[in-house]
Amino acid sequence: MNRTVANIIIDLIAVLLFLGMIATGYLLRFALPPGSDTTLVLWGCIRYQWGNLHLWISLGFLAVLVVHIALHWNWIVTVVGKRCRLLKPSLIRSGILTALVVMLSMTLFMWSAHDSVKELSPSVPINASSATVQAPIGPESIEFWQDVYPIFETNCLSCHGPQRQLGGFRVDRSDYLFGSGERKPWILPGQSAISPLIALVSAAKKDMPMADTHTLSEQDITRLKAWIDSGAKWPVKTGAEK
């Protein structure tokens, strides 16, 4: 393969990867906005998965860019050398120096990014409803179809419901949550402190794919705990509750 054909192929791959970056960036910003991991799914993938795809496309584009520069390195060094009035610039020395500068810059960037990460302090909402102190949620006040099932419906059914069962798991059927046959229980009635479901939705369970995407709000977790501690009753849905 001659250099001209190689350049054309590399440029076409770079264009496709660049378009892929634009497309996935659009999805992450508009179609699947921040905070939609537990509520929205697009073409079988949630925002977390699209974010991973965006990352790999970006790394692919970077790799193609490096190859593109390598193929044109002689021309780049010659042009820069003429601009800087250098006599016979060395391709090897300039390549090593450029690589070192790039690696050092990337290392400093990554170090600075990780060193600058801070935990957000809990903030008090400023809307009017936040001024109202909510009454504590007790086990006796929890109704499954009014207080618990809507949590599953809002946060879980898109990936673990009638249409899709990621990991072969469903939250709309009690036998999956309470265990049956070879299925291990996720809920231990009366024992929310050791129920695997609470460990999962409170981000305490890390040994599973995308563990952080299953985290629920404190209010939802409190309701689930209260329901489990009250016996985790799953009553038959009556006509009035449909």
Protein backbone atom coordinates (compact mmCIF):
# COMPACT_ATOMS: atom_id res chain seq x y z
CA MET A 1 0.00 0.00 0.00
CA ASN A 2 1.51 3.32 -1.06
CA ARG A 3 1.54 6.40 1.16
CA THR A 4 -1.21 8.20 -0.74
CA VAL A 5 -3.71 5.36 -0.26
CA ALA A 6 -2.70 5.06 3.40
CA ASN A 7 -3.30 8.79 3.92
CA ILE A 8 -6.74 8.57 2.32
CA ILE A 9 -7.75 5.60 4.52
CA ILE A 10 -6.48 7.29 7.68
CA ASP A 11 -8.33 10.51 6.82
CA LEU A 12 -11.59 8.62 6.18
CA ILE A 13 -11.29 6.78 9.49
CA ALA A 14 -10.58 10.09 11.26
CA VAL A 15 -13.68 11.68 9.72
CA LEU A 16 -15.89 8.75 10.77
CA LEU A 17 -14.53 8.81 14.32
CA PHE A 18 -14.98 12.58 14.52
CA LEU A 19 -18.61 12.23 13.40
CA GLY A 20 -19.03 9.49 16.01
CA MET A 21 -17.74 11.86 18.71
CA ILE A 22 -20.22 14.52 17.62
CA ALA A 23 -23.12 12.03 17.54
CA THR A 24 -22.44 10.48 20.96
CA GLY A 25 -21.73 13.92 22.44
CA TYR A 26 -25.14 15.10 21.21
CA LEU A 27 -26.83 12.06 22.77
CA LEU A 28 -25.10 12.63 26.11
CA ARG A 29 -26.03 16.32 26.16
CA PHE A 30 -29.56 16.35 24.77
CA ALA A 31 -31.15 12.90 24.28
CA LEU A 32 -29.78 11.44 27.56
CA PRO A 33 -29.07 14.44 29.80
CA PRO A 34 -27.14 14.16 33.08
CA GLY A 35 -29.09 12.31 35.76
CA SER A 36 -31.04 10.13 33.31
CA ASP A 37 -29.13 6.88 33.92
CA THR A 38 -31.96 5.33 35.91
CA THR A 39 -34.84 6.73 33.89
CA LEU A 40 -33.96 6.74 30.16
CA VAL A 41 -32.62 4.18 27.71
CA LEU A 42 -31.75 4.70 24.02
CA TRP A 43 -31.36 1.82 21.57
CA GLY A 44 -30.73 -0.62 24.41
CA CYS A 45 -28.08 1.48 26.19
CA ILE A 46 -28.28 3.87 29.14
CA ARG A 47 -26.31 7.12 29.45
CA TYR A 48 -23.42 5.39 31.25
CA GLN A 49 -22.93 2.99 28.32
CA TRP A 50 -23.14 5.79 25.73
CA GLY A 51 -20.54 7.67 27.76
CA ASN A 52 -18.18 4.68 27.56
CA LEU A 53 -18.72 4.50 23.79
CA HIS A 54 -17.95 8.23 23.50
CA LEU A 55 -14.71 7.68 25.43
CA TRP A 56 -13.54 4.82 23.21
CA ILE A 57 -14.38 6.73 20.03
CA SER A 58 -12.38 9.67 21.37
CA LEU A 59 -9.38 7.42 22.11
CA GLY A 60 -9.69 5.91 18.64
CA PHE A 61 -9.70 9.38 17.09
CA LEU A 62 -6.59 10.27 19.12
CA ALA A 63 -4.80 7.13 17.91
CA VAL A 64 -5.67 7.90 14.27
CA LEU A 65 -4.46 11.46 14.76
CA VAL A 66 -1.11 10.15 16.03
CA VAL A 67 -0.78 7.90 12.98
CA HIS A 68 -1.70 10.82 10.71
CA ILE A 69 1.02 12.99 12.27
CA ALA A 70 3.56 10.16 11.97
CA LEU A 71 2.83 9.78 8.26
CA HIS A 72 3.38 13.52 7.74
CA TRP A 73 6.20 13.95 10.26
CA ASN A 74 8.85 14.69 7.66
CA TRP A 75 6.75 17.48 6.17
CA ILE A 76 5.86 18.89 9.62
CA VAL A 77 9.49 18.99 10.77
CA THR A 78 10.60 20.56 7.51
CA VAL A 79 7.98 23.31 7.62
CA VAL A 80 8.58 24.06 11.31
CA GLY A 81 12.33 24.04 10.73
CA LYS A 82 12.04 26.59 7.93
CA ARG A 83 9.75 28.80 10.01
CA CYS A 84 12.16 28.68 12.95
CA ARG A 85 15.20 29.01 10.65
CA LEU A 86 16.70 25.72 11.80
CA LEU A 87 19.37 24.03 9.70
CA LYS A 88 18.56 20.40 8.84
CA PRO A 89 16.30 19.61 11.84
CA SER A 90 16.58 16.01 13.04
CA LEU A 91 13.43 13.90 12.55
CA ILE A 92 14.36 11.51 15.38
CA ARG A 93 15.31 14.17 17.94
CA SER A 94 12.24 16.28 17.17
CA GLY A 95 10.01 13.20 17.37
CA ILE A 96 11.40 12.17 20.77
CA LEU A 97 11.16 15.74 22.10
CA THR A 98 7.56 16.10 20.88
CA ALA A 99 6.57 12.74 22.41
CA LEU A 100 8.11 13.72 25.76
CA VAL A 101 6.33 17.09 25.78
CA VAL A 102 2.98 15.45 24.97
CA MET A 103 3.42 12.72 27.60
CA LEU A 104 4.46 15.26 30.23
CA SER A 105 1.47 17.48 29.41
CA MET A 106 -0.96 14.54 29.63
CA THR A 107 0.58 13.37 32.90
CA LEU A 108 0.28 16.83 34.45
CA PHE A 109 -3.32 17.11 33.22
CA MET A 110 -4.34 13.74 34.71
CA TRP A 111 -2.57 14.49 37.99
CA SER A 112 -4.21 17.92 38.20
CA ALA A 113 -7.66 16.49 37.40
CA HIS A 114 -7.48 13.75 40.05
CA ASP A 115 -5.92 16.06 42.63
CA SER A 116 -8.60 18.69 42.11
CA VAL A 117 -11.61 16.39 42.61
CA LYS A 118 -13.55 17.44 45.70
CA GLU A 119 -16.64 16.07 47.39
CA LEU A 120 -19.67 18.32 47.25
CA SER A 121 -21.01 19.42 50.60
CA PRO A 122 -24.68 18.59 51.13
CA SER A 123 -26.66 21.59 50.01
CA VAL A 124 -30.08 22.74 51.07
CA PRO A 125 -32.56 23.14 48.19
CA ILE A 126 -33.68 26.72 47.77
CA ASN A 127 -37.13 26.04 46.39
CA ALA A 128 -40.15 26.86 48.47
CA SER A 129 -41.07 23.25 49.15
CA SER A 130 -37.76 22.65 50.93
CA ALA A 131 -38.90 24.85 53.79
CA THR A 132 -41.45 22.24 54.74
CA VAL A 133 -40.12 19.62 57.13
CA GLN A 134 -41.18 16.18 55.97
CA ALA A 135 -42.68 13.85 58.50
CA PRO A 136 -40.59 10.75 59.21
CA ILE A 137 -41.53 7.69 57.18
CA GLY A 138 -42.56 4.79 59.41
CA PRO A 139 -43.25 1.17 58.44
CA GLU A 140 -46.90 1.52 59.36
CA SER A 141 -47.40 4.34 56.86
CA ILE A 142 -46.02 2.51 53.81
CA GLU A 143 -48.37 1.20 51.13
CA PHE A 144 -46.71 -0.98 48.49
CA TRP A 145 -48.61 0.12 45.39
CA GLN A 146 -48.69 3.80 46.39
CA ASP A 147 -45.24 4.23 47.96
CA VAL A 148 -42.93 1.40 46.82
CA TYR A 149 -43.89 0.19 43.36
CA PRO A 150 -43.69 3.72 41.86
CA ILE A 151 -39.99 3.72 42.87
CA PHE A 152 -39.43 0.56 40.83
CA GLU A 153 -41.55 1.92 38.01
CA THR A 154 -39.63 5.19 37.74
CA ASN A 155 -36.10 3.94 38.26
CA CYS A 156 -35.92 0.27 37.34
CA LEU A 157 -38.54 -0.97 34.87
CA SER A 158 -36.85 0.46 31.76
CA CYS A 159 -34.00 -2.04 32.21
CA HIS A 160 -35.57 -4.71 34.46
CA GLY A 161 -39.20 -4.92 33.43
CA PRO A 162 -41.54 -6.61 30.94
CA GLN A 163 -39.74 -5.22 27.87
CA ARG A 164 -36.09 -5.63 28.87
CA GLN A 165 -34.47 -7.83 31.53
CA LEU A 166 -30.82 -6.84 31.80
CA GLY A 167 -28.95 -9.52 33.69
CA GLY A 168 -32.05 -11.71 33.45
CA PHE A 169 -33.63 -9.77 36.33
CA ARG A 170 -37.05 -8.14 36.79
CA VAL A 171 -38.39 -5.88 39.55
CA ASP A 172 -42.04 -6.15 38.57
CA ARG A 173 -42.26 -9.74 39.82
CA SER A 174 -41.94 -10.67 43.46
CA ASP A 175 -40.26 -14.04 42.79
CA TYR A 176 -37.21 -12.21 41.40
CA LEU A 177 -36.91 -9.94 44.46
CA PHE A 178 -37.75 -12.46 47.19
CA GLY A 179 -35.98 -15.36 45.52
CA SER A 180 -37.31 -18.67 44.28
CA GLY A 181 -35.67 -21.86 43.11
CA GLU A 182 -32.05 -21.04 42.30
CA ARG A 183 -32.61 -17.27 42.54
CA LYS A 184 -31.08 -15.66 45.59
CA PRO A 185 -33.31 -13.17 47.44
CA TRP A 186 -32.67 -9.46 47.13
CA ILE A 187 -35.12 -8.66 49.91
CA LEU A 188 -35.14 -10.18 53.40
CA PRO A 189 -38.49 -9.20 54.98
CA GLY A 190 -38.02 -7.38 58.27
CA GLN A 191 -34.28 -6.99 57.73
CA SER A 192 -33.55 -4.00 55.53
CA ALA A 193 -30.06 -3.62 57.04
CA ILE A 194 -28.88 -6.87 55.44
CA SER A 195 -31.11 -6.94 52.36
CA PRO A 196 -28.95 -6.95 49.18
CA LEU A 197 -31.42 -4.60 47.45
CA ILE A 198 -30.73 -1.83 49.96
CA ALA A 199 -26.97 -2.38 49.61
CA LEU A 200 -27.36 -2.00 45.85
CA VAL A 201 -29.53 1.13 45.72
CA SER A 202 -27.48 2.87 48.44
CA ALA A 203 -24.20 2.33 46.51
CA ALA A 204 -22.85 -0.01 49.18
CA LYS A 205 -22.73 -2.96 46.76
CA LYS A 206 -19.86 -2.42 44.31
CA ASP A 207 -19.29 -5.97 43.00
CA MET A 208 -21.56 -5.70 39.98
CA PRO A 209 -21.46 -3.90 36.61
CA MET A 210 -22.58 -0.26 36.68
CA ALA A 211 -23.19 -0.37 40.43
CA ASP A 212 -23.27 3.42 40.74
CA THR A 213 -26.10 3.74 38.21
CA HIS A 214 -28.47 1.90 40.57
CA THR A 215 -28.18 4.45 43.38
CA LEU A 216 -31.52 5.96 44.45
CA SER A 217 -32.36 9.13 46.35
CA GLU A 218 -32.31 9.14 50.14
CA GLN A 219 -36.09 9.48 50.25
CA ASP A 220 -36.61 6.44 48.00
CA ILE A 221 -34.12 4.40 50.02
CA THR A 222 -35.90 5.38 53.25
CA ARG A 223 -39.23 4.24 51.82
CA LEU A 224 -37.78 0.93 50.68
CA LYS A 225 -36.22 0.33 54.10
CA ALA A 226 -39.49 1.12 55.84
CA TRP A 227 -41.38 -1.26 53.53
CA ILE A 228 -38.88 -4.09 54.08
CA ASP A 229 -38.83 -3.58 57.85
CA SER A 230 -42.63 -3.72 57.90
CA GLY A 231 -42.52 -7.20 56.39
CA ALA A 232 -42.16 -6.35 52.67
CA LYS A 233 -45.75 -7.24 51.84
CA TRP A 234 -46.48 -7.50 48.10
CA PRO A 235 -50.30 -7.56 47.99
CA VAL A 236 -52.30 -8.65 44.97
CA LYS A 237 -53.19 -5.58 42.93
CA THR A 238 -56.89 -4.84 43.15
CA GLY A 239 -59.05 -3.02 40.64
CA ALA A 240 -58.91 0.19 42.72
CA GLU A 241 -55.10 0.17 42.52
CA LYS A 242 -54.83 -0.30 38.76
